C-alpha cells in the first residue's frame, strides 16, 4: 500500500489504523521470516519481487479498505510535513485540501533536527507518493504535498525526483483545471528552476502561479508568488524590478506572520541595496517585530540578519554585530544551513570592516564548507563569495583572493546572478590592483559599472572613484 520504497513503523501503524505509538508486531514477524529487511533502524524494505507480490495481494483487498488506508497514509504525510515546516521552515506554509478532511495526527518532532531528519528519511516516499496519486488519485494530495515540500526541495537542493513529482502534480491539476492546484505546482516548479539557476524560467513559473491564484482571488498565494518573484529579481540584479514585486507582495493581506516577516525582510534588503537606509530600517524593524511575536527561530534568523546588514551598511558596527550574532545563533538553533550561510557571510564582512581579519578568516572556513556542499543561502542577496574574497584581500592573501574570486565570478555569471557578479567584479578588481595588475582591475571595474548605472546602485560612485584613481595614476606616470 505504501507507494514509496520503504516504510517506517509509524507508517505501518497508520496504514493499519492504529495510533502512531502503537506496536506493530506484524513487522517483527515479517522480519523474523526474512520477508522484510531493516537496513536502518525503524526503516523497512522488502525485495523487489516480494514487494510486487505484496502489491498484488493488496489489490485483492476491498476497494474501500485500500482507499481508507491510503487516505490515512497521505493525511499523515501532509500533517507531518506541516508540523516539520512549522519548526524548521515556517515560511514554507502548508495548505490543506478542501475536498476532504484529513485524518489522524502528525509525526511528533522534538525539535528542528528531528523534523529535518524525518523529511530527509521520507523524501523518496513523499516523491513517489506524489507521482502515484497524480496518476491514480486522490489527485488533490499530489499538489498539496508538492507545495508543502517546496521549501524542502530548495533547502536540500532539488533533484530529478522533485521535478518529476511537481510536473506530475501539475498535470493532474491541469487535467481538472484546478486553479489552486495549478498555482501551487507552478510555485514548486519556480523553486526548482531557481535552484537550478534558471532564473527567467523561475519567473515564468511564478507568473503562471499568479494567474491561477488570481482566478480564485487567493491572496496568500498571490503574496507568495509576488514575493518569490522579487527574490529571483534580487538574485538576478534586477533591483528596481525586485522592488516592484516585493512592494506588490505586501499589498495582499496575509494573516500568516512568517510570510509577512520574510516580505518585510526582503524589502529591507532591496532598499539597503539601493542605498535607502531609512526605508531599509523601517522594514527591518517590521520584520523584527513580527519575528518577536512569532517566536520561531528561523523567522528570527531572517529578520535579525537583515536588520544587522542594514546597520552594517550604515557603519553602525556594534549594533550590526549584536544582531548578526543573534541571527547566527537562531540559525544554529533551528538547524538551518541556509540561514547559517547568510549569517557567516555577514559576520565575515563585518569583521573585515572592523579590521578584525583573523576573526573574518575563522568565519569563512565553515562558509567555504557550505559552498563546497552546494548549500544555498536563504536570503536573495548572496554575499558568500564576496565576503570570502574581501577577507582574503584584507589578509593580504592576494593569490587566494584572485583564484577564489575568479572561480566564483565564472560560476555566478553562468547562473545569471547579476548582483553577486557586480560585487565580485568590484572586489576582485581591488585584489588585482593590490597585486599590481591594473589592466585586469580596470577591465573588471568597467564591466561592473553599467549594471550599477542601470540600477542606480550606490556602488557606482565607488567604481567611478576607482577608475578615476587609475586614470590619475596613469596620468602621473
Protein backbone atom coordinates (compact mmCIF):
# COMPACT_ATOMS: atom_id res chain seq x y z
CA UNK A 1 0.00 0.00 0.00
CA UNK A 2 2.92 2.36 0.58
CA UNK A 3 3.85 3.88 -2.78
CA UNK A 4 7.49 4.50 -1.80
CA UNK A 5 10.48 2.18 -1.49
CA UNK A 6 10.39 1.69 2.28
CA UNK A 7 8.18 2.02 5.33
CA UNK A 8 8.62 3.29 8.85
CA UNK A 9 6.97 1.69 11.86
CA UNK A 10 4.74 4.78 12.16
CA UNK A 11 3.63 4.50 8.52
CA UNK A 12 2.72 0.86 9.07
CA UNK A 13 0.70 1.80 12.15
CA UNK A 14 -1.14 4.47 10.17
CA UNK A 15 -2.00 2.04 7.37
CA UNK A 16 -3.37 -0.39 9.91
CA UNK A 17 -5.50 2.31 11.52
CA UNK A 18 -3.59 2.33 14.80
CA UNK A 19 -2.12 5.07 16.92
CA UNK A 20 1.34 6.24 15.85
CA UNK A 21 2.87 4.91 19.05
CA UNK A 22 1.05 1.58 18.86
CA UNK A 23 3.14 -1.58 18.45
CA UNK A 24 3.21 -3.24 15.03
CA UNK A 25 4.15 -6.86 15.76
CA UNK A 26 3.44 -7.76 12.13
CA UNK A 27 6.70 -6.05 11.14
CA UNK A 28 8.66 -8.17 13.61
CA UNK A 29 7.03 -11.34 12.26
CA UNK A 30 7.94 -10.37 8.68
CA UNK A 31 11.50 -9.61 9.77
CA UNK A 32 11.78 -12.96 11.52
CA UNK A 33 10.54 -14.69 8.36
CA UNK A 34 13.13 -12.76 6.29
CA UNK A 35 10.35 -11.21 4.23
CA UNK A 36 11.49 -7.73 5.29
CA UNK A 37 14.88 -6.19 5.96
CA UNK A 38 15.71 -3.30 8.29
CA UNK A 39 18.72 -1.55 6.71
CA UNK A 40 18.29 1.41 9.05
CA UNK A 41 16.66 1.07 12.48
CA UNK A 42 12.96 1.76 12.07
CA UNK A 43 13.02 1.66 8.23
CA UNK A 44 11.76 -1.48 6.50
CA UNK A 45 12.26 -2.77 2.95
CA UNK A 46 11.39 -5.88 1.01
CA UNK A 47 12.90 -7.50 -2.06
CA UNK A 48 11.53 -6.12 -5.33
CA UNK A 49 9.81 -9.41 -6.22
CA UNK A 50 8.29 -9.70 -2.76
CA UNK A 51 7.13 -6.08 -2.96
CA UNK A 52 5.45 -6.82 -6.30
CA UNK A 53 3.72 -9.87 -4.85
CA UNK A 54 2.60 -7.85 -1.83
CA UNK A 55 1.07 -5.21 -4.12
CA UNK A 56 -0.81 -7.94 -5.94
CA UNK A 57 -2.15 -9.27 -2.65
CA UNK A 58 -3.12 -5.75 -1.57
CA UNK A 59 -5.14 -5.47 -4.79
CA UNK A 60 -7.37 -8.28 -3.58
CA UNK A 61 -8.47 -6.22 -0.57
CA UNK A 62 -11.83 -4.40 -0.87
CA UNK A 63 -11.51 -1.08 -2.68
CA UNK A 64 -12.87 0.88 0.28
CA UNK A 65 -10.32 -0.72 2.62
CA UNK A 66 -7.45 0.22 0.33
CA UNK A 67 -8.77 3.75 -0.21
CA UNK A 68 -9.16 4.36 3.52
CA UNK A 69 -5.66 3.08 4.27
CA UNK A 70 -4.12 5.26 1.56
CA UNK A 71 -6.07 8.29 2.78
CA UNK A 72 -4.74 7.75 6.30
CA UNK A 73 -1.18 7.49 4.99
CA UNK A 74 -1.43 10.59 2.80
CA UNK A 75 -3.05 12.54 5.63
CA UNK A 76 -0.19 11.56 7.92
CA UNK A 77 2.34 12.66 5.31
CA UNK A 78 0.73 16.07 4.81
CA UNK A 79 0.11 16.72 8.50
CA UNK A 80 3.69 15.71 9.33
CA UNK A 81 5.23 17.90 6.62
CA UNK A 82 3.20 20.79 8.03
CA UNK A 83 4.45 20.05 11.54
CA UNK A 84 8.05 19.84 10.30
CA UNK A 85 7.80 23.09 8.34
CA UNK A 86 6.37 24.97 11.31
CA UNK A 87 9.53 24.12 13.24
CA UNK A 88 12.31 24.50 10.70
CA UNK A 89 10.89 26.47 7.76
CA UNK A 90 7.72 28.32 8.81
CA UNK A 91 7.67 30.45 5.66
CA UNK A 92 7.00 27.19 3.79
CA UNK A 93 3.36 27.20 4.86
CA UNK A 94 1.13 24.21 4.12
CA UNK A 95 -2.40 24.37 2.79
CA UNK A 96 -4.81 21.51 3.49
CA UNK A 97 -7.26 20.28 0.85
CA UNK A 98 -10.87 21.46 0.94
CA UNK A 99 -12.09 18.40 -0.95
CA UNK A 100 -11.90 16.07 2.05
CA UNK A 101 -10.88 16.19 5.72
CA UNK A 102 -7.54 14.85 6.85
CA UNK A 103 -7.44 12.09 9.41
CA UNK A 104 -5.07 11.13 12.20
CA UNK A 105 -2.28 13.10 13.77
CA UNK A 106 1.16 14.25 12.60
CA UNK A 107 4.51 12.81 13.50
CA UNK A 108 5.76 14.33 16.75
CA UNK A 109 9.10 16.14 16.49
CA UNK A 110 11.39 17.02 19.37
CA UNK A 111 12.97 19.93 17.51
CA UNK A 112 14.33 21.15 14.17
CA UNK A 113 16.99 18.46 13.79
CA UNK A 114 14.38 15.77 14.34
CA UNK A 115 11.97 17.32 11.83
CA UNK A 116 14.69 17.70 9.20
CA UNK A 117 15.81 14.11 9.71
CA UNK A 118 12.24 12.92 9.16
CA UNK A 119 11.91 14.95 5.95
CA UNK A 120 15.18 13.54 4.66
CA UNK A 121 14.21 9.96 5.56
CA UNK A 122 10.78 10.24 3.95
CA UNK A 123 11.94 12.21 0.90
CA UNK A 124 11.81 9.27 -1.56
CA UNK A 125 8.49 8.05 -0.15
CA UNK A 126 6.96 11.51 -0.44
CA UNK A 127 8.19 11.95 -4.03
CA UNK A 128 6.81 8.54 -5.01
CA UNK A 129 3.51 9.23 -3.23
CA UNK A 130 3.04 12.50 -5.17
CA UNK A 131 3.62 10.75 -8.50
CA UNK A 132 1.37 7.84 -7.50
CA UNK A 133 -1.65 9.96 -6.53
CA UNK A 134 -1.11 12.20 -9.57
CA UNK A 135 -1.75 9.16 -11.73
CA UNK A 136 -4.15 7.11 -9.62
CA UNK A 137 -5.74 9.57 -7.20
CA UNK A 138 -6.78 11.11 -4.98
CA UNK A 139 -5.11 13.82 -7.05
CA UNK A 140 -5.55 16.80 -4.65
CA UNK A 141 -2.97 15.18 -2.39
CA UNK A 142 -0.47 15.47 -5.25
CA UNK A 143 -0.44 19.25 -5.43
CA UNK A 144 -0.88 19.78 -1.72
CA UNK A 145 2.09 17.52 -0.90
CA UNK A 146 4.27 19.02 -3.65
CA UNK A 147 3.51 22.55 -2.48
CA UNK A 148 4.13 21.61 1.15
CA UNK A 149 7.57 20.29 0.21
CA UNK A 150 8.65 23.23 -1.98
CA UNK A 151 10.86 24.80 0.71
CA UNK A 152 12.39 21.38 1.44
CA UNK A 153 13.17 20.91 -2.28
CA UNK A 154 15.13 24.18 -2.27
CA UNK A 155 16.77 23.84 1.13
CA UNK A 156 18.01 20.31 0.37
CA UNK A 157 18.90 21.06 -3.29
CA UNK A 158 16.20 19.85 -5.65
CA UNK A 159 16.78 16.68 -7.62
CA UNK A 160 15.18 14.93 -10.55
CA UNK A 161 12.60 13.40 -8.25
CA UNK A 162 11.36 16.77 -7.06
CA UNK A 163 10.98 17.96 -10.65
CA UNK A 164 9.19 14.79 -11.73
CA UNK A 165 6.82 14.97 -8.76
CA UNK A 166 5.97 18.63 -9.34
CA UNK A 167 5.39 18.07 -13.05
CA UNK A 168 3.18 15.07 -12.35
CA UNK A 169 1.14 17.06 -9.83
CA UNK A 170 0.77 19.91 -12.34
CA UNK A 171 -0.52 17.51 -15.00
CA UNK A 172 -3.10 16.23 -12.53
CA UNK A 173 -4.19 19.76 -11.61
CA UNK A 174 -4.38 20.78 -15.28
CA UNK A 175 -6.49 17.74 -16.07
CA UNK A 176 -9.06 19.01 -13.59
CA UNK A 177 -8.40 22.68 -14.41
CA UNK A 178 -7.93 23.23 -10.70
CA UNK A 179 -6.66 26.83 -10.29
CA UNK A 180 -5.36 26.37 -6.75
CA UNK A 181 -3.60 23.13 -7.62
CA UNK A 182 -2.09 24.58 -10.78
CA UNK A 183 -0.85 27.65 -8.92
CA UNK A 184 0.69 25.57 -6.16
CA UNK A 185 2.54 23.39 -8.66
CA UNK A 186 3.85 26.39 -10.57
CA UNK A 187 5.24 27.67 -7.25
CA UNK A 188 7.07 24.36 -6.77
CA UNK A 189 8.47 24.47 -10.29
CA UNK A 190 9.58 28.06 -9.70
CA UNK A 191 11.61 26.97 -6.67
CA UNK A 192 13.19 24.14 -8.64
CA UNK A 193 14.05 26.37 -11.63
CA UNK A 194 15.57 28.95 -9.27
CA UNK A 195 17.65 26.27 -7.59
CA UNK A 196 18.97 25.12 -10.97
CA UNK A 197 19.96 28.68 -11.89
CA UNK A 198 17.22 29.15 -14.49
CA UNK A 199 16.03 32.50 -13.13
CA UNK A 200 13.94 33.52 -16.15
CA UNK A 201 12.18 30.15 -16.06
CA UNK A 202 11.53 30.63 -12.34
CA UNK A 203 9.90 34.00 -13.02
CA UNK A 204 7.72 32.41 -15.69
CA UNK A 205 6.55 29.78 -13.22
CA UNK A 206 5.76 32.41 -10.57
CA UNK A 207 3.87 34.50 -13.13
CA UNK A 208 1.86 31.40 -14.08
CA UNK A 209 1.09 30.87 -10.39
CA UNK A 210 -0.15 34.47 -10.11
CA UNK A 211 -2.57 33.89 -13.00
CA UNK A 212 -4.03 30.79 -11.36
CA UNK A 213 -4.28 32.31 -7.88
CA UNK A 214 -5.87 35.43 -9.31
CA UNK A 215 -8.63 33.30 -10.89
CA UNK A 216 -9.88 32.41 -7.42
CA UNK A 217 -8.76 35.50 -5.51
CA UNK A 218 -6.30 33.54 -3.40
CA UNK A 219 -4.41 36.40 -1.75
CA UNK A 220 -1.93 34.37 0.29
CA UNK A 221 -0.81 32.64 -2.87
CA UNK A 222 -0.57 35.94 -4.73
CA UNK A 223 1.53 37.44 -1.93
CA UNK A 224 3.88 34.45 -2.03
CA UNK A 225 4.21 34.47 -5.83
CA UNK A 226 4.97 38.20 -5.96
CA UNK A 227 7.46 37.86 -3.08
CA UNK A 228 9.25 34.92 -4.69
CA UNK A 229 9.44 36.87 -7.96
CA UNK A 230 11.10 39.68 -6.02
CA UNK A 231 13.67 37.27 -4.59
CA UNK A 232 14.55 35.97 -8.06
CA UNK A 233 14.89 39.52 -9.41
CA UNK A 234 17.15 40.46 -6.50
CA UNK A 235 19.40 37.49 -7.17
CA UNK A 236 19.48 38.43 -10.88
CA UNK A 237 20.45 42.00 -10.03
CA UNK A 238 17.21 43.46 -11.39
CA UNK A 239 16.80 45.52 -8.26
CA UNK A 240 14.19 48.06 -9.43
CA UNK A 241 12.02 45.21 -10.69
CA UNK A 242 12.53 43.39 -7.41
CA UNK A 243 11.26 46.42 -5.52
CA UNK A 244 8.08 46.44 -7.61
CA UNK A 245 7.44 42.75 -6.96
CA UNK A 246 8.20 42.96 -3.23
CA UNK A 247 6.03 46.06 -2.76
CA UNK A 248 3.17 44.36 -4.58
CA UNK A 249 3.50 41.29 -2.34
CA UNK A 250 2.76 43.41 0.73
CA UNK A 251 -0.45 44.77 -0.81
CA UNK A 252 -2.04 41.34 -0.45
CA UNK A 253 -3.28 40.74 3.05
CA UNK A 254 -1.94 37.60 4.67
CA UNK A 255 -2.55 36.55 8.24
CA UNK A 256 0.43 34.19 8.19
CA UNK A 257 3.08 36.09 10.13
CA UNK A 258 6.24 34.19 8.99
CA UNK A 259 5.45 35.15 5.40
CA UNK A 260 4.94 38.80 6.33
CA UNK A 261 8.25 38.82 8.20
CA UNK A 262 10.06 37.49 5.12
CA UNK A 263 8.30 40.02 2.89
CA UNK A 264 9.43 42.91 5.10
CA UNK A 265 12.96 41.49 5.33
CA UNK A 266 13.14 41.28 1.54
CA UNK A 267 12.01 44.88 1.19
CA UNK A 268 14.59 45.94 3.77
CA UNK A 269 17.25 44.14 1.75
CA UNK A 270 16.21 45.76 -1.54
CA UNK A 271 16.14 49.27 -0.07
CA UNK A 272 19.55 48.66 1.51
CA UNK A 273 20.96 47.51 -1.83
CA UNK A 274 19.63 50.73 -3.35
CA UNK A 275 21.19 52.80 -0.55
CA UNK A 276 17.88 53.91 1.01
CA UNK A 277 18.76 53.11 4.61
CA UNK A 278 15.77 54.89 6.14
CA UNK A 279 13.31 52.70 4.26
CA UNK A 280 15.51 49.67 4.89
CA UNK A 281 15.48 50.28 8.63
CA UNK A 282 11.70 50.73 8.65
CA UNK A 283 11.06 47.36 7.01
CA UNK A 284 13.77 45.66 9.07
CA UNK A 285 12.06 46.83 12.24
CA UNK A 286 8.74 45.50 10.95
CA UNK A 287 10.36 42.12 10.31
CA UNK A 288 11.94 42.10 13.79
CA UNK A 289 8.62 42.95 15.46
CA UNK A 290 6.82 40.17 13.60
CA UNK A 291 9.59 37.69 14.40
CA UNK A 292 9.47 38.61 18.09
CA UNK A 293 5.73 37.97 18.17
CA UNK A 294 6.06 34.76 16.16
CA UNK A 295 8.73 33.24 18.38
CA UNK A 296 10.17 30.94 15.70
CA UNK A 297 14.00 30.87 15.48
CA UNK A 298 14.03 30.61 11.68
CA UNK A 299 11.89 33.73 11.33
CA UNK A 300 14.15 35.46 13.86
CA UNK A 301 17.24 34.42 11.88
CA UNK A 302 15.86 36.05 8.73
CA UNK A 303 14.80 39.27 10.47
CA UNK A 304 17.95 39.70 12.56
CA UNK A 305 20.22 39.08 9.61
CA UNK A 306 18.59 41.78 7.51
CA UNK A 307 18.42 44.27 10.37
CA UNK A 308 22.11 43.61 11.09
CA UNK A 309 23.08 44.07 7.45
CA UNK A 310 21.31 47.44 7.37
CA UNK A 311 23.25 48.65 10.41
CA UNK A 312 26.46 47.30 8.86
CA UNK A 313 25.81 49.28 5.67
CA UNK A 314 25.30 52.38 7.82
CA UNK A 315 28.60 51.84 9.61
CA UNK A 316 26.97 51.01 12.97
CA UNK A 317 29.19 48.01 13.64
CA UNK A 318 28.33 47.34 17.29
CA UNK A 319 24.58 47.13 16.67
CA UNK A 320 25.17 45.16 13.49
CA UNK A 321 27.35 42.61 15.27
CA UNK A 322 24.80 42.07 18.04
CA UNK A 323 22.00 41.40 15.54
CA UNK A 324 24.11 39.23 13.23
CA UNK A 325 25.39 37.15 16.14
CA UNK A 326 21.82 36.63 17.34
CA UNK A 327 20.84 35.66 13.80
CA UNK A 328 23.62 33.09 13.65
CA UNK A 329 22.53 31.65 16.99
CA UNK A 330 18.95 31.39 15.76
CA UNK A 331 20.10 29.68 12.55
CA UNK A 332 22.08 27.12 14.56
CA UNK A 333 19.16 26.58 16.91
CA UNK A 334 16.78 25.80 14.09
CA UNK A 335 19.42 23.76 12.26
CA UNK A 336 19.14 25.81 9.06
CA UNK A 337 22.30 25.58 6.98
CA UNK A 338 20.74 28.12 4.59
CA UNK A 339 20.33 30.79 7.26
CA UNK A 340 23.75 29.94 8.72
CA UNK A 341 25.29 30.50 5.27
CA UNK A 342 23.88 34.04 5.26
CA UNK A 343 24.96 34.77 8.83
CA UNK A 344 28.54 33.57 8.29
CA UNK A 345 28.84 35.71 5.16
CA UNK A 346 27.62 38.79 7.01
CA UNK A 347 29.84 38.24 10.04
CA UNK A 348 32.92 37.85 7.85
CA UNK A 349 32.14 41.15 6.13
CA UNK A 350 31.59 42.84 9.48
CA UNK A 351 34.94 41.66 10.83
CA UNK A 352 36.72 42.88 7.69
CA UNK A 353 35.08 46.30 8.12
CA UNK A 354 36.14 46.32 11.78
CA UNK A 355 39.72 45.37 10.94
CA UNK A 356 39.43 42.02 12.74
CA UNK A 357 40.84 39.99 9.88
CA UNK A 358 41.75 36.91 11.94
CA UNK A 359 38.11 36.59 13.02
CA UNK A 360 36.93 37.02 9.44
CA UNK A 361 39.23 34.19 8.38
CA UNK A 362 37.63 31.99 11.06
CA UNK A 363 34.14 32.78 9.78
CA UNK A 364 34.91 31.95 6.15
CA UNK A 365 36.18 28.43 6.94
CA UNK A 366 32.71 26.95 7.68
CA UNK A 367 31.26 29.20 4.96
CA UNK A 368 33.54 27.61 2.37
CA UNK A 369 32.46 24.18 3.62
CA UNK A 370 28.83 25.12 2.96
CA UNK A 371 29.73 26.41 -0.51
CA UNK A 372 31.54 23.16 -1.28
CA UNK A 373 28.41 21.24 -0.27
CA UNK A 374 26.34 23.35 -2.67
CA UNK A 375 24.29 24.84 0.17
CA UNK A 376 22.37 27.94 -0.95
CA UNK A 377 21.65 30.93 1.24
CA UNK A 378 18.13 31.77 2.34
CA UNK A 379 18.39 35.48 1.57
CA UNK A 380 18.02 36.55 -2.08
CA UNK A 381 21.22 38.58 -1.81
CA UNK A 382 24.16 36.16 -1.82
CA UNK A 383 27.24 37.55 -0.11
CA UNK A 384 29.32 34.40 0.38
CA UNK A 385 31.95 34.70 -2.37
CA UNK A 386 32.18 38.46 -1.92
CA UNK A 387 32.81 38.01 1.82
CA UNK A 388 35.48 35.38 1.20
CA UNK A 389 37.33 37.45 -1.41
CA UNK A 390 37.17 40.56 0.81
CA UNK A 391 38.56 38.53 3.70
CA UNK A 392 41.48 37.20 1.66
CA UNK A 393 42.14 40.70 0.35
CA UNK A 394 42.17 42.15 3.87
CA UNK A 395 44.54 39.37 4.96
CA UNK A 396 46.81 40.21 2.00
CA UNK A 397 46.35 36.71 0.61
CA UNK A 398 46.07 38.07 -2.89
CA UNK A 399 46.61 34.79 -4.73
CA UNK A 400 43.77 33.21 -2.75
CA UNK A 401 41.52 36.22 -3.37
CA UNK A 402 42.16 36.25 -7.12
CA UNK A 403 41.87 32.49 -7.61
CA UNK A 404 38.74 32.08 -5.48
CA UNK A 405 37.16 35.25 -6.86
CA UNK A 406 37.72 34.25 -10.49
CA UNK A 407 36.14 30.84 -9.90
CA UNK A 408 33.18 32.37 -8.07
CA UNK A 409 32.71 35.02 -10.74
CA UNK A 410 32.58 32.44 -13.52
CA UNK A 411 30.06 30.37 -11.59
CA UNK A 412 27.82 33.33 -10.79
CA UNK A 413 27.96 34.63 -14.35
CA UNK A 414 26.84 31.23 -15.63
CA UNK A 415 23.96 31.24 -13.12
CA UNK A 416 22.84 34.76 -14.03
CA UNK A 417 23.35 36.11 -10.50
CA UNK A 418 23.81 39.70 -11.62
CA UNK A 419 24.10 41.36 -8.21
CA UNK A 420 26.78 38.97 -6.98
CA UNK A 421 28.60 39.26 -10.32
CA UNK A 422 28.83 43.06 -9.98
CA UNK A 423 30.09 42.89 -6.41
CA UNK A 424 32.63 40.20 -7.20
CA UNK A 425 33.94 42.26 -10.10
CA UNK A 426 34.49 45.21 -7.77
CA UNK A 427 36.32 43.32 -5.02
CA UNK A 428 38.21 41.11 -7.47
CA UNK A 429 39.36 44.27 -9.23
CA UNK A 430 40.67 45.54 -5.90
CA UNK A 431 42.62 42.32 -5.46
CA UNK A 432 44.18 42.64 -8.92
CA UNK A 433 45.04 46.29 -8.24
CA UNK A 434 46.69 45.32 -4.95
CA UNK A 435 48.71 42.74 -6.89
CA UNK A 436 49.78 45.41 -9.37
CA UNK A 437 47.68 44.19 -12.31
CA UNK A 438 45.89 47.44 -13.12
CA UNK A 439 44.81 46.26 -16.57
CA UNK A 440 42.79 43.41 -15.04
CA UNK A 441 41.43 45.74 -12.37
CA UNK A 442 40.26 48.28 -14.94
CA UNK A 443 38.62 45.57 -17.04
CA UNK A 444 36.66 44.24 -14.08
CA UNK A 445 35.53 47.67 -12.87
CA UNK A 446 34.49 48.78 -16.35
CA UNK A 447 32.45 45.57 -16.70
CA UNK A 448 30.73 46.23 -13.35
CA UNK A 449 29.89 49.90 -13.96
CA UNK A 450 26.97 49.60 -16.45
CA UNK A 451 24.90 47.48 -14.07
CA UNK A 452 25.32 49.99 -11.25
CA UNK A 453 24.27 52.81 -13.58
CA UNK A 454 21.25 50.93 -14.91
CA UNK A 455 20.03 50.00 -11.44
CA UNK A 456 21.14 53.25 -9.70
CA UNK A 457 23.24 51.30 -7.20
CA UNK A 458 25.47 53.13 -4.69
CA UNK A 459 28.46 51.07 -5.89
CA UNK A 460 28.50 53.31 -8.98
CA UNK A 461 30.28 56.09 -7.09
CA UNK A 462 32.84 53.63 -5.72
CA UNK A 463 33.63 52.21 -9.15
CA UNK A 464 33.86 55.63 -10.76
CA UNK A 465 36.24 56.69 -7.98
CA UNK A 466 38.41 53.61 -8.51
CA UNK A 467 38.58 54.19 -12.25
CA UNK A 468 39.39 57.88 -11.73
CA UNK A 469 42.23 56.91 -9.37
CA UNK A 470 43.61 54.59 -12.04
CA UNK A 471 43.38 57.35 -14.62
CA UNK A 472 45.17 59.79 -12.31
CA UNK A 473 47.92 57.27 -11.65
CA UNK A 474 48.37 56.70 -15.36
CA UNK A 475 48.49 60.48 -15.97
CA UNK A 476 51.06 60.99 -13.25
CA UNK A 477 53.30 58.39 -14.87
